[in-house]
Amino acid sequence: MQQVARARSIIHVSPEAVMDAFINPVSMSKFWFHRRDEGLRPDESVMFYLGDAKDAFGFTVQVIDLVANSEIHLR
């Protein structure tokens, strides 16, 4: 069974700040998931972790496309 999640929220910061919060693993861990990669890049897969423990549950996310300060497409 394929798992699908969709989320939508209103964020009151600049598009640059939101993009950085997703692309930069250090920034993302302050708000959402923890990551152990060097940043999001198109056509790459990264792991998102629920917490920062060494044995934290993780799931793979494929980066489909990034449009600077506009869109992030993940699968």
C-alpha atoms as a PDB file:
ATOM      1  CA  MET A   1       0.000   0.000   0.000  1.00  0.00           C
ATOM      2  CA  GLN A   2       1.365   3.400  -0.994  1.00  0.00           C
ATOM      3  CA  GLN A   3       1.479   6.002   1.775  1.00  0.00           C
ATOM      4  CA  VAL A   4       0.591   9.553   0.850  1.00  0.00           C
ATOM      5  CA  ALA A   5       0.734  12.662   3.010  1.00  0.00           C
ATOM      6  CA  ARG A   6      -0.333  16.127   2.040  1.00  0.00           C
ATOM      7  CA  ALA A   7       0.128  19.203   4.170  1.00  0.00           C
ATOM      8  CA  ARG A   8      -0.686  22.841   3.785  1.00  0.00           C
ATOM      9  CA  SER A   9      -0.023  25.664   6.216  1.00  0.00           C
ATOM     10  CA  ILE A  10       0.258  29.421   6.315  1.00  0.00           C
ATOM     11  CA  ILE A  11       3.771  30.605   7.122  1.00  0.00           C
ATOM     12  CA  HIS A  12       4.560  34.236   7.881  1.00  0.00           C
ATOM     13  CA  VAL A  13       8.211  34.478   6.820  1.00  0.00           C
ATOM     14  CA  SER A  14      10.003  35.181   3.565  1.00  0.00           C
ATOM     15  CA  PRO A  15      10.158  32.541   0.815  1.00  0.00           C
ATOM     16  CA  GLU A  16      13.943  32.465   1.287  1.00  0.00           C
ATOM     17  CA  ALA A  17      13.574  31.547   4.976  1.00  0.00           C
ATOM     18  CA  VAL A  18      11.087  28.768   4.182  1.00  0.00           C
ATOM     19  CA  MET A  19      13.318  27.375   1.429  1.00  0.00           C
ATOM     20  CA  ASP A  20      16.308  27.390   3.785  1.00  0.00           C
ATOM     21  CA  ALA A  21      14.265  25.608   6.464  1.00  0.00           C
ATOM     22  CA  PHE A  22      13.703  22.721   4.032  1.00  0.00           C
ATOM     23  CA  ILE A  23      17.015  22.614   2.181  1.00  0.00           C
ATOM     24  CA  ASN A  24      19.391  23.103   5.130  1.00  0.00           C
ATOM     25  CA  PRO A  25      19.366  20.063   7.473  1.00  0.00           C
ATOM     26  CA  VAL A  26      20.312  22.178  10.513  1.00  0.00           C
ATOM     27  CA  SER A  27      17.461  24.622   9.881  1.00  0.00           C
ATOM     28  CA  MET A  28      14.968  21.829   9.209  1.00  0.00           C
ATOM     29  CA  SER A  29      15.740  20.067  12.486  1.00  0.00           C
ATOM     30  CA  LYS A  30      14.654  23.189  14.395  1.00  0.00           C
ATOM     31  CA  PHE A  31      11.120  22.935  13.002  1.00  0.00           C
ATOM     32  CA  TRP A  32      10.370  19.492  11.540  1.00  0.00           C
ATOM     33  CA  PHE A  33      12.420  16.393  10.852  1.00  0.00           C
ATOM     34  CA  HIS A  34      16.048  15.702  11.625  1.00  0.00           C
ATOM     35  CA  ARG A  35      18.362  14.900   8.718  1.00  0.00           C
ATOM     36  CA  ARG A  36      21.942  13.684   8.333  1.00  0.00           C
ATOM     37  CA  ASP A  37      22.652  14.873   4.789  1.00  0.00           C
ATOM     38  CA  GLU A  38      24.379  17.824   3.145  1.00  0.00           C
ATOM     39  CA  GLY A  39      21.195  19.455   1.846  1.00  0.00           C
ATOM     40  CA  LEU A  40      18.402  18.731  -0.612  1.00  0.00           C
ATOM     41  CA  ARG A  41      19.373  18.319  -4.257  1.00  0.00           C
ATOM     42  CA  PRO A  42      17.157  17.403  -7.235  1.00  0.00           C
ATOM     43  CA  ASP A  43      17.121  13.711  -8.206  1.00  0.00           C
ATOM     44  CA  GLU A  44      18.602  12.580  -4.871  1.00  0.00           C
ATOM     45  CA  SER A  45      17.091  10.660  -1.969  1.00  0.00           C
ATOM     46  CA  VAL A  46      17.524  11.699   1.664  1.00  0.00           C
ATOM     47  CA  MET A  47      16.423  10.268   5.003  1.00  0.00           C
ATOM     48  CA  PHE A  48      14.107  12.221   7.308  1.00  0.00           C
ATOM     49  CA  TYR A  49      14.249  11.097  10.964  1.00  0.00           C
ATOM     50  CA  LEU A  50      11.712  11.420  13.767  1.00  0.00           C
ATOM     51  CA  GLY A  51      14.078  12.713  16.426  1.00  0.00           C
ATOM     52  CA  ASP A  52      17.843  12.888  16.644  1.00  0.00           C
ATOM     53  CA  ALA A  53      18.575   9.645  18.521  1.00  0.00           C
ATOM     54  CA  LYS A  54      21.008   7.272  16.841  1.00  0.00           C
ATOM     55  CA  ASP A  55      18.203   4.703  16.401  1.00  0.00           C
ATOM     56  CA  ALA A  56      15.457   7.208  15.430  1.00  0.00           C
ATOM     57  CA  PHE A  57      12.862   6.000  12.938  1.00  0.00           C
ATOM     58  CA  GLY A  58      13.665   7.289   9.460  1.00  0.00           C
ATOM     59  CA  PHE A  59      11.996   7.294   6.078  1.00  0.00           C
ATOM     60  CA  THR A  60      13.344   7.968   2.603  1.00  0.00           C
ATOM     61  CA  VAL A  61      12.289  11.064   0.675  1.00  0.00           C
ATOM     62  CA  GLN A  62      13.094  11.522  -3.001  1.00  0.00           C
ATOM     63  CA  VAL A  63      13.751  15.085  -4.134  1.00  0.00           C
ATOM     64  CA  ILE A  64      11.995  15.455  -7.479  1.00  0.00           C
ATOM     65  CA  ASP A  65      12.633  19.151  -8.125  1.00  0.00           C
ATOM     66  CA  LEU A  66      13.595  22.413  -6.427  1.00  0.00           C
ATOM     67  CA  VAL A  67      12.603  25.834  -7.728  1.00  0.00           C
ATOM     68  CA  ALA A  68      14.518  28.534  -5.846  1.00  0.00           C
ATOM     69  CA  ASN A  69      12.332  30.328  -3.280  1.00  0.00           C
ATOM     70  CA  SER A  70       9.197  28.913  -4.861  1.00  0.00           C
ATOM     71  CA  GLU A  71       8.629  25.137  -4.895  1.00  0.00           C
ATOM     72  CA  ILE A  72       9.973  21.877  -3.505  1.00  0.00           C
ATOM     73  CA  HIS A  73       8.690  18.618  -4.972  1.00  0.00           C
ATOM     74  CA  LEU A  74       9.274  15.544  -2.788  1.00  0.00           C
ATOM     75  CA  ARG A  75       8.131  11.964  -3.054  1.00  0.00           C
END
